[in-house]
């Protein structure tokens, strides 16, 4: 068993904390970084995670990072467009240093979430470590720095549909205007967790099925079946047939198997 860690957050936080701003007056302000402090912070956070789960050695940790290129920008050029702040000083150097001790995975065009989701579904039985709510789409054990929960395939598929409808302002895709997570859950509980329910809700706001599909593809965290391992590129999510996780109330005994498509 390995700990699969979304390490973007940890390294970003530690590198930002190691920065110092020096104001020389006039137009000159310089930002410096203490690399040793950044590394100590990262190692300390990783050690805390290891302690949380008992006897895990450095070789039991797999660290995931986001590629500077993002395939979602081909789907929606504005994706995460509001996040213009550059990485803190030392970010790249810290990653290079971590490679000397840990297994580090950074796949071109993929976010850390996607690389983690692919690994976790290709090699099940490990523990995902991430504070990101998006990881609730991936079946298995998830530690969010507060508690460890077990996500079933059905729960993961439901969460994907909820995020499709509710959107995610922090990532720059809107979902259906005026609908958040709780309202989306209410709609799905009434209509069933189906693609039809998603499309109907988008259409009620004068949006199209294509709009719904764009949001679904942006919301989707890749699994091993969403990735062409030979071409090394994502396979964009597509609802297959009458895609449903749970049918509408009153027909629960007609439940279809969750598609991984």
C-alpha atoms as a PDB file:
ATOM      1  CA  UNK A   1       0.000   0.000   0.000  1.00  0.00           C
ATOM      2  CA  UNK A   2       1.244   3.460  -0.918  1.00  0.00           C
ATOM      3  CA  UNK A   3       0.291   7.019  -0.033  1.00  0.00           C
ATOM      4  CA  UNK A   4      -0.614   8.924  -3.214  1.00  0.00           C
ATOM      5  CA  UNK A   5      -0.086  12.586  -2.341  1.00  0.00           C
ATOM      6  CA  UNK A   6      -1.334  15.644  -4.209  1.00  0.00           C
ATOM      7  CA  UNK A   7       1.864  17.580  -3.540  1.00  0.00           C
ATOM      8  CA  UNK A   8       1.120  20.823  -5.424  1.00  0.00           C
ATOM      9  CA  UNK A   9      -0.592  22.260  -2.357  1.00  0.00           C
ATOM     10  CA  UNK A  10       2.168  21.287   0.073  1.00  0.00           C
ATOM     11  CA  UNK A  11       5.074  22.597  -2.019  1.00  0.00           C
ATOM     12  CA  UNK A  12       3.241  25.801  -2.976  1.00  0.00           C
ATOM     13  CA  UNK A  13       2.417  26.548   0.668  1.00  0.00           C
ATOM     14  CA  UNK A  14       5.941  25.843   1.900  1.00  0.00           C
ATOM     15  CA  UNK A  15       7.684  27.800  -0.861  1.00  0.00           C
ATOM     16  CA  UNK A  16       5.384  30.781  -0.317  1.00  0.00           C
ATOM     17  CA  UNK A  17       6.151  30.707   3.413  1.00  0.00           C
ATOM     18  CA  UNK A  18       9.896  30.726   2.670  1.00  0.00           C
ATOM     19  CA  UNK A  19       9.704  33.923   0.614  1.00  0.00           C
ATOM     20  CA  UNK A  20      10.864  37.283   1.943  1.00  0.00           C
ATOM     21  CA  UNK A  21      10.113  40.627   0.308  1.00  0.00           C
ATOM     22  CA  UNK A  22      12.882  43.232   0.309  1.00  0.00           C
ATOM     23  CA  UNK A  23      11.889  46.823  -0.496  1.00  0.00           C
ATOM     24  CA  UNK A  24      14.837  48.937  -1.670  1.00  0.00           C
ATOM     25  CA  UNK A  25      12.690  51.990  -2.254  1.00  0.00           C
ATOM     26  CA  UNK A  26      11.853  53.726  -5.513  1.00  0.00           C
ATOM     27  CA  UNK A  27      10.775  51.037  -7.996  1.00  0.00           C
ATOM     28  CA  UNK A  28      12.872  48.153  -6.664  1.00  0.00           C
ATOM     29  CA  UNK A  29      11.223  45.367  -4.656  1.00  0.00           C
ATOM     30  CA  UNK A  30      12.964  41.997  -4.606  1.00  0.00           C
ATOM     31  CA  UNK A  31      11.558  38.661  -3.441  1.00  0.00           C
ATOM     32  CA  UNK A  32      14.054  36.144  -2.090  1.00  0.00           C
ATOM     33  CA  UNK A  33      13.503  32.586  -0.915  1.00  0.00           C
ATOM     34  CA  UNK A  34      15.225  30.397   1.646  1.00  0.00           C
ATOM     35  CA  UNK A  35      15.412  27.039  -0.107  1.00  0.00           C
ATOM     36  CA  UNK A  36      16.405  25.148   3.047  1.00  0.00           C
ATOM     37  CA  UNK A  37      13.359  26.462   4.903  1.00  0.00           C
ATOM     38  CA  UNK A  38      11.079  25.445   2.031  1.00  0.00           C
ATOM     39  CA  UNK A  39      12.508  21.918   1.966  1.00  0.00           C
ATOM     40  CA  UNK A  40      12.262  21.533   5.756  1.00  0.00           C
ATOM     41  CA  UNK A  41       8.605  22.583   5.586  1.00  0.00           C
ATOM     42  CA  UNK A  42       7.816  20.072   2.831  1.00  0.00           C
ATOM     43  CA  UNK A  43       9.650  17.235   4.581  1.00  0.00           C
ATOM     44  CA  UNK A  44       7.867  18.078   7.834  1.00  0.00           C
ATOM     45  CA  UNK A  45       4.440  17.974   6.161  1.00  0.00           C
ATOM     46  CA  UNK A  46       5.229  14.673   4.445  1.00  0.00           C
ATOM     47  CA  UNK A  47       6.443  13.216   7.752  1.00  0.00           C
ATOM     48  CA  UNK A  48       3.162  14.237   9.405  1.00  0.00           C
ATOM     49  CA  UNK A  49       1.234  12.387   6.720  1.00  0.00           C
ATOM     50  CA  UNK A  50       3.400   9.300   7.215  1.00  0.00           C
ATOM     51  CA  UNK A  51       2.803   9.463  10.978  1.00  0.00           C
ATOM     52  CA  UNK A  52      -0.951   9.736  10.429  1.00  0.00           C
ATOM     53  CA  UNK A  53      -0.940   6.284   8.860  1.00  0.00           C
ATOM     54  CA  UNK A  54       1.751   4.598  10.913  1.00  0.00           C
ATOM     55  CA  UNK A  55       4.689   2.801   9.348  1.00  0.00           C
ATOM     56  CA  UNK A  56       5.114   4.276   5.881  1.00  0.00           C
ATOM     57  CA  UNK A  57       8.637   4.707   4.540  1.00  0.00           C
ATOM     58  CA  UNK A  58       9.779   7.318   2.006  1.00  0.00           C
ATOM     59  CA  UNK A  59       9.585   4.719  -0.765  1.00  0.00           C
ATOM     60  CA  UNK A  60       5.884   4.223   0.080  1.00  0.00           C
ATOM     61  CA  UNK A  61       5.074   7.801  -0.934  1.00  0.00           C
ATOM     62  CA  UNK A  62       4.189   8.828  -4.498  1.00  0.00           C
ATOM     63  CA  UNK A  63       4.107  12.598  -5.069  1.00  0.00           C
ATOM     64  CA  UNK A  64       1.980  14.113  -7.837  1.00  0.00           C
ATOM     65  CA  UNK A  65       2.428  17.518  -9.491  1.00  0.00           C
ATOM     66  CA  UNK A  66       0.623  19.548 -12.143  1.00  0.00           C
ATOM     67  CA  UNK A  67       2.035  20.036 -15.634  1.00  0.00           C
ATOM     68  CA  UNK A  68       2.473  23.659 -16.791  1.00  0.00           C
ATOM     69  CA  UNK A  69       0.412  22.656 -19.851  1.00  0.00           C
ATOM     70  CA  UNK A  70      -3.246  21.858 -19.237  1.00  0.00           C
ATOM     71  CA  UNK A  71      -5.437  19.868 -21.650  1.00  0.00           C
ATOM     72  CA  UNK A  72      -8.579  21.516 -20.228  1.00  0.00           C
ATOM     73  CA  UNK A  73      -7.592  24.833 -21.793  1.00  0.00           C
ATOM     74  CA  UNK A  74      -8.324  23.246 -25.179  1.00  0.00           C
ATOM     75  CA  UNK A  75     -11.849  22.545 -23.940  1.00  0.00           C
ATOM     76  CA  UNK A  76     -12.292  25.988 -22.365  1.00  0.00           C
ATOM     77  CA  UNK A  77      -9.521  28.575 -22.935  1.00  0.00           C
ATOM     78  CA  UNK A  78     -10.715  30.510 -19.860  1.00  0.00           C
ATOM     79  CA  UNK A  79     -10.207  27.496 -17.569  1.00  0.00           C
ATOM     80  CA  UNK A  80      -8.397  28.708 -14.422  1.00  0.00           C
ATOM     81  CA  UNK A  81      -7.715  31.938 -16.299  1.00  0.00           C
ATOM     82  CA  UNK A  82      -8.147  33.976 -13.120  1.00  0.00           C
ATOM     83  CA  UNK A  83      -5.215  32.144 -11.506  1.00  0.00           C
ATOM     84  CA  UNK A  84      -2.454  34.266 -12.988  1.00  0.00           C
ATOM     85  CA  UNK A  85      -0.109  34.339  -9.998  1.00  0.00           C
ATOM     86  CA  UNK A  86       3.149  32.604 -10.766  1.00  0.00           C
ATOM     87  CA  UNK A  87       4.501  29.834  -8.585  1.00  0.00           C
ATOM     88  CA  UNK A  88       6.490  31.008  -5.541  1.00  0.00           C
ATOM     89  CA  UNK A  89      10.279  31.099  -5.680  1.00  0.00           C
ATOM     90  CA  UNK A  90      11.942  27.717  -5.443  1.00  0.00           C
ATOM     91  CA  UNK A  91       8.883  25.695  -6.504  1.00  0.00           C
ATOM     92  CA  UNK A  92      10.606  23.906  -9.409  1.00  0.00           C
ATOM     93  CA  UNK A  93      13.827  23.397  -7.473  1.00  0.00           C
ATOM     94  CA  UNK A  94      11.977  21.784  -4.573  1.00  0.00           C
ATOM     95  CA  UNK A  95      10.351  19.300  -6.981  1.00  0.00           C
ATOM     96  CA  UNK A  96      13.769  18.412  -8.415  1.00  0.00           C
ATOM     97  CA  UNK A  97      15.129  17.873  -4.902  1.00  0.00           C
ATOM     98  CA  UNK A  98      12.167  15.663  -3.942  1.00  0.00           C
ATOM     99  CA  UNK A  99      12.931  13.389  -6.898  1.00  0.00           C
ATOM    100  CA  UNK A 100      16.127  12.313  -5.118  1.00  0.00           C
ATOM    101  CA  UNK A 101      14.127  10.715  -2.294  1.00  0.00           C
ATOM    102  CA  UNK A 102      10.591  10.056  -3.513  1.00  0.00           C
ATOM    103  CA  UNK A 103       8.785   8.779  -6.569  1.00  0.00           C
ATOM    104  CA  UNK A 104       7.510  11.915  -8.337  1.00  0.00           C
ATOM    105  CA  UNK A 105       4.903  11.839 -11.119  1.00  0.00           C
ATOM    106  CA  UNK A 106       4.226  14.782 -13.413  1.00  0.00           C
ATOM    107  CA  UNK A 107       2.454  13.936 -16.680  1.00  0.00           C
ATOM    108  CA  UNK A 108       2.402  16.408 -19.556  1.00  0.00           C
ATOM    109  CA  UNK A 109      -0.926  18.299 -19.960  1.00  0.00           C
ATOM    110  CA  UNK A 110      -2.353  16.762 -16.754  1.00  0.00           C
ATOM    111  CA  UNK A 111      -3.107  18.303 -13.389  1.00  0.00           C
ATOM    112  CA  UNK A 112      -1.884  16.499 -10.299  1.00  0.00           C
ATOM    113  CA  UNK A 113      -5.495  15.384  -9.655  1.00  0.00           C
ATOM    114  CA  UNK A 114      -5.627  13.627 -13.015  1.00  0.00           C
ATOM    115  CA  UNK A 115      -2.262  11.899 -12.722  1.00  0.00           C
ATOM    116  CA  UNK A 116      -3.290  10.789  -9.234  1.00  0.00           C
ATOM    117  CA  UNK A 117      -6.692   9.551 -10.420  1.00  0.00           C
ATOM    118  CA  UNK A 118      -5.111   7.537 -13.235  1.00  0.00           C
ATOM    119  CA  UNK A 119      -2.582   5.919 -10.889  1.00  0.00           C
ATOM    120  CA  UNK A 120      -5.150   5.231  -8.154  1.00  0.00           C
ATOM    121  CA  UNK A 121      -7.528   3.442 -10.538  1.00  0.00           C
ATOM    122  CA  UNK A 122      -4.788   1.581 -12.394  1.00  0.00           C
ATOM    123  CA  UNK A 123      -3.264   0.386  -9.103  1.00  0.00           C
ATOM    124  CA  UNK A 124      -6.178   0.214  -6.599  1.00  0.00           C
ATOM    125  CA  UNK A 125      -5.717  -0.381  -2.884  1.00  0.00           C
ATOM    126  CA  UNK A 126      -3.639   2.709  -2.084  1.00  0.00           C
ATOM    127  CA  UNK A 127      -4.590   5.819  -0.070  1.00  0.00           C
ATOM    128  CA  UNK A 128      -5.165   9.169  -1.791  1.00  0.00           C
ATOM    129  CA  UNK A 129      -3.980  12.198   0.189  1.00  0.00           C
ATOM    130  CA  UNK A 130      -5.514  15.462  -1.013  1.00  0.00           C
ATOM    131  CA  UNK A 131      -7.548  18.371   0.390  1.00  0.00           C
ATOM    132  CA  UNK A 132      -9.199  18.835  -3.020  1.00  0.00           C
ATOM    133  CA  UNK A 133     -12.911  17.984  -3.093  1.00  0.00           C
ATOM    134  CA  UNK A 134     -12.514  16.908  -6.744  1.00  0.00           C
ATOM    135  CA  UNK A 135     -10.830  13.712  -5.555  1.00  0.00           C
ATOM    136  CA  UNK A 136     -14.188  12.513  -4.206  1.00  0.00           C
ATOM    137  CA  UNK A 137     -14.734  11.270  -7.765  1.00  0.00           C
ATOM    138  CA  UNK A 138     -12.055   8.591  -7.424  1.00  0.00           C
ATOM    139  CA  UNK A 139     -13.031   5.264  -5.802  1.00  0.00           C
ATOM    140  CA  UNK A 140     -10.949   4.149  -2.855  1.00  0.00           C
ATOM    141  CA  UNK A 141      -9.638   5.603   0.401  1.00  0.00           C
ATOM    142  CA  UNK A 142      -9.251   9.390   0.578  1.00  0.00           C
ATOM    143  CA  UNK A 143      -7.512  11.339   3.353  1.00  0.00           C
ATOM    144  CA  UNK A 144      -8.355  15.069   3.130  1.00  0.00           C
ATOM    145  CA  UNK A 145      -6.115  16.125   6.055  1.00  0.00           C
ATOM    146  CA  UNK A 146      -9.126  15.906   8.375  1.00  0.00           C
ATOM    147  CA  UNK A 147     -10.453  12.381   8.033  1.00  0.00           C
ATOM    148  CA  UNK A 148     -10.149   9.250   5.930  1.00  0.00           C
ATOM    149  CA  UNK A 149     -13.224   8.207   3.952  1.00  0.00           C
ATOM    150  CA  UNK A 150     -13.894   5.384   1.517  1.00  0.00           C
ATOM    151  CA  UNK A 151     -15.405   6.423  -1.824  1.00  0.00           C
ATOM    152  CA  UNK A 152     -17.419   3.830  -3.761  1.00  0.00           C
ATOM    153  CA  UNK A 153     -17.567   3.877  -7.594  1.00  0.00           C
ATOM    154  CA  UNK A 154     -21.210   5.010  -7.348  1.00  0.00           C
ATOM    155  CA  UNK A 155     -20.365   7.844  -4.963  1.00  0.00           C
ATOM    156  CA  UNK A 156     -17.551   8.971  -7.237  1.00  0.00           C
ATOM    157  CA  UNK A 157     -19.813   8.969 -10.301  1.00  0.00           C
ATOM    158  CA  UNK A 158     -22.490  10.919  -8.421  1.00  0.00           C
ATOM    159  CA  UNK A 159     -19.987  13.551  -7.346  1.00  0.00           C
ATOM    160  CA  UNK A 160     -18.870  14.012 -10.955  1.00  0.00           C
ATOM    161  CA  UNK A 161     -22.455  14.761 -12.000  1.00  0.00           C
ATOM    162  CA  UNK A 162     -22.937  17.098  -9.031  1.00  0.00           C
ATOM    163  CA  UNK A 163     -19.819  19.074  -9.972  1.00  0.00           C
ATOM    164  CA  UNK A 164     -20.945  19.175 -13.601  1.00  0.00           C
ATOM    165  CA  UNK A 165     -24.186  20.836 -12.570  1.00  0.00           C
ATOM    166  CA  UNK A 166     -22.836  23.016  -9.724  1.00  0.00           C
ATOM    167  CA  UNK A 167     -19.645  24.084 -11.472  1.00  0.00           C
ATOM    168  CA  UNK A 168     -16.510  25.250  -9.687  1.00  0.00           C
ATOM    169  CA  UNK A 169     -15.779  28.969  -9.603  1.00  0.00           C
ATOM    170  CA  UNK A 170     -12.271  28.378  -8.286  1.00  0.00           C
ATOM    171  CA  UNK A 171     -11.477  26.458 -11.471  1.00  0.00           C
ATOM    172  CA  UNK A 172     -13.353  28.838 -13.743  1.00  0.00           C
ATOM    173  CA  UNK A 173     -16.300  26.794 -15.022  1.00  0.00           C
ATOM    174  CA  UNK A 174     -19.801  27.831 -14.037  1.00  0.00           C
ATOM    175  CA  UNK A 175     -22.076  24.799 -14.277  1.00  0.00           C
ATOM    176  CA  UNK A 176     -25.733  25.841 -14.202  1.00  0.00           C
ATOM    177  CA  UNK A 177     -26.168  29.454 -12.995  1.00  0.00           C
ATOM    178  CA  UNK A 178     -27.795  29.669  -9.576  1.00  0.00           C
ATOM    179  CA  UNK A 179     -27.203  26.026  -8.695  1.00  0.00           C
ATOM    180  CA  UNK A 180     -24.740  24.959  -6.018  1.00  0.00           C
ATOM    181  CA  UNK A 181     -23.898  21.569  -4.570  1.00  0.00           C
ATOM    182  CA  UNK A 182     -26.926  21.309  -2.251  1.00  0.00           C
ATOM    183  CA  UNK A 183     -29.414  22.324  -4.927  1.00  0.00           C
ATOM    184  CA  UNK A 184     -27.797  19.925  -7.405  1.00  0.00           C
ATOM    185  CA  UNK A 185     -28.106  17.090  -4.892  1.00  0.00           C
ATOM    186  CA  UNK A 186     -31.793  17.931  -4.389  1.00  0.00           C
ATOM    187  CA  UNK A 187     -32.426  17.824  -8.145  1.00  0.00           C
ATOM    188  CA  UNK A 188     -30.631  14.498  -8.523  1.00  0.00           C
ATOM    189  CA  UNK A 189     -32.488  12.997  -5.554  1.00  0.00           C
ATOM    190  CA  UNK A 190     -35.756  13.893  -7.296  1.00  0.00           C
ATOM    191  CA  UNK A 191     -34.812  13.041 -10.885  1.00  0.00           C
ATOM    192  CA  UNK A 192     -32.132  10.426 -10.342  1.00  0.00           C
ATOM    193  CA  UNK A 193     -28.413  10.729 -10.959  1.00  0.00           C
ATOM    194  CA  UNK A 194     -28.722  10.608 -14.736  1.00  0.00           C
ATOM    195  CA  UNK A 195     -27.281  12.474 -17.703  1.00  0.00           C
ATOM    196  CA  UNK A 196     -30.844  13.288 -18.723  1.00  0.00           C
ATOM    197  CA  UNK A 197     -31.328  15.171 -15.439  1.00  0.00           C
ATOM    198  CA  UNK A 198     -28.135  17.135 -16.100  1.00  0.00           C
ATOM    199  CA  UNK A 199     -29.188  18.131 -19.618  1.00  0.00           C
ATOM    200  CA  UNK A 200     -32.721  19.065 -18.557  1.00  0.00           C
ATOM    201  CA  UNK A 201     -31.361  21.350 -15.834  1.00  0.00           C
ATOM    202  CA  UNK A 202     -28.981  23.078 -18.251  1.00  0.00           C
ATOM    203  CA  UNK A 203     -31.791  23.509 -20.784  1.00  0.00           C
ATOM    204  CA  UNK A 204     -34.052  25.076 -18.142  1.00  0.00           C
ATOM    205  CA  UNK A 205     -31.484  27.896 -18.003  1.00  0.00           C
ATOM    206  CA  UNK A 206     -31.469  28.185 -21.822  1.00  0.00           C
ATOM    207  CA  UNK A 207     -28.200  26.307 -22.132  1.00  0.00           C
ATOM    208  CA  UNK A 208     -27.478  23.316 -24.353  1.00  0.00           C
ATOM    209  CA  UNK A 209     -26.362  19.725 -23.966  1.00  0.00           C
ATOM    210  CA  UNK A 210     -23.035  20.828 -25.446  1.00  0.00           C
ATOM    211  CA  UNK A 211     -22.695  23.293 -22.547  1.00  0.00           C
ATOM    212  CA  UNK A 212     -23.385  20.439 -20.151  1.00  0.00           C
ATOM    213  CA  UNK A 213     -20.777  18.252 -21.857  1.00  0.00           C
ATOM    214  CA  UNK A 214     -18.124  20.976 -21.667  1.00  0.00           C
ATOM    215  CA  UNK A 215     -18.749  21.297 -17.920  1.00  0.00           C
ATOM    216  CA  UNK A 216     -18.708  17.508 -17.473  1.00  0.00           C
ATOM    217  CA  UNK A 217     -15.348  17.239 -19.232  1.00  0.00           C
ATOM    218  CA  UNK A 218     -13.863  20.061 -17.181  1.00  0.00           C
ATOM    219  CA  UNK A 219     -15.183  18.554 -13.935  1.00  0.00           C
ATOM    220  CA  UNK A 220     -14.023  15.021 -14.704  1.00  0.00           C
ATOM    221  CA  UNK A 221     -10.947  13.785 -12.837  1.00  0.00           C
ATOM    222  CA  UNK A 222      -9.273  11.301 -15.143  1.00  0.00           C
ATOM    223  CA  UNK A 223      -9.133   7.600 -14.335  1.00  0.00           C
ATOM    224  CA  UNK A 224      -7.037   4.959 -16.073  1.00  0.00           C
ATOM    225  CA  UNK A 225      -9.859   4.394 -18.620  1.00  0.00           C
ATOM    226  CA  UNK A 226      -9.911   8.128 -19.406  1.00  0.00           C
ATOM    227  CA  UNK A 227      -6.301   8.091 -20.561  1.00  0.00           C
ATOM    228  CA  UNK A 228      -4.655   6.686 -23.700  1.00  0.00           C
ATOM    229  CA  UNK A 229      -1.458   5.269 -22.233  1.00  0.00           C
ATOM    230  CA  UNK A 230       0.137   4.693 -25.653  1.00  0.00           C
ATOM    231  CA  UNK A 231      -0.547   8.171 -27.052  1.00  0.00           C
ATOM    232  CA  UNK A 232      -0.149   9.714 -23.591  1.00  0.00           C
ATOM    233  CA  UNK A 233      -3.221  11.874 -23.907  1.00  0.00           C
ATOM    234  CA  UNK A 234      -6.629  12.171 -22.208  1.00  0.00           C
ATOM    235  CA  UNK A 235      -9.764  10.534 -23.572  1.00  0.00           C
ATOM    236  CA  UNK A 236     -12.499  13.124 -23.133  1.00  0.00           C
ATOM    237  CA  UNK A 237     -15.495  11.943 -21.113  1.00  0.00           C
ATOM    238  CA  UNK A 238     -18.630  11.009 -23.058  1.00  0.00           C
ATOM    239  CA  UNK A 239     -21.959   9.806 -21.590  1.00  0.00           C
ATOM    240  CA  UNK A 240     -22.720   6.377 -23.007  1.00  0.00           C
ATOM    241  CA  UNK A 241     -26.326   5.678 -24.009  1.00  0.00           C
ATOM    242  CA  UNK A 242     -28.826   6.537 -21.265  1.00  0.00           C
ATOM    243  CA  UNK A 243     -26.037   7.182 -18.778  1.00  0.00           C
ATOM    244  CA  UNK A 244     -27.170   6.967 -15.164  1.00  0.00           C
ATOM    245  CA  UNK A 245     -25.705   6.271 -11.771  1.00  0.00           C
ATOM    246  CA  UNK A 246     -29.071   6.035  -9.992  1.00  0.00           C
ATOM    247  CA  UNK A 247     -32.441   6.120 -11.797  1.00  0.00           C
ATOM    248  CA  UNK A 248     -35.259   8.434 -10.674  1.00  0.00           C
ATOM    249  CA  UNK A 249     -37.087   7.755  -7.415  1.00  0.00           C
ATOM    250  CA  UNK A 250     -39.593   4.949  -7.777  1.00  0.00           C
ATOM    251  CA  UNK A 251     -37.443   2.909 -10.152  1.00  0.00           C
ATOM    252  CA  UNK A 252     -34.434   2.137  -7.941  1.00  0.00           C
ATOM    253  CA  UNK A 253     -34.752  -1.561  -8.697  1.00  0.00           C
ATOM    254  CA  UNK A 254     -33.894  -0.767 -12.314  1.00  0.00           C
ATOM    255  CA  UNK A 255     -30.455   0.584 -11.434  1.00  0.00           C
ATOM    256  CA  UNK A 256     -27.877   0.398 -14.220  1.00  0.00           C
ATOM    257  CA  UNK A 257     -24.250  -0.377 -13.628  1.00  0.00           C
ATOM    258  CA  UNK A 258     -22.130   2.768 -13.399  1.00  0.00           C
ATOM    259  CA  UNK A 259     -20.236   3.312 -16.628  1.00  0.00           C
ATOM    260  CA  UNK A 260     -16.587   4.335 -16.340  1.00  0.00           C
ATOM    261  CA  UNK A 261     -16.793   6.107 -19.669  1.00  0.00           C
END
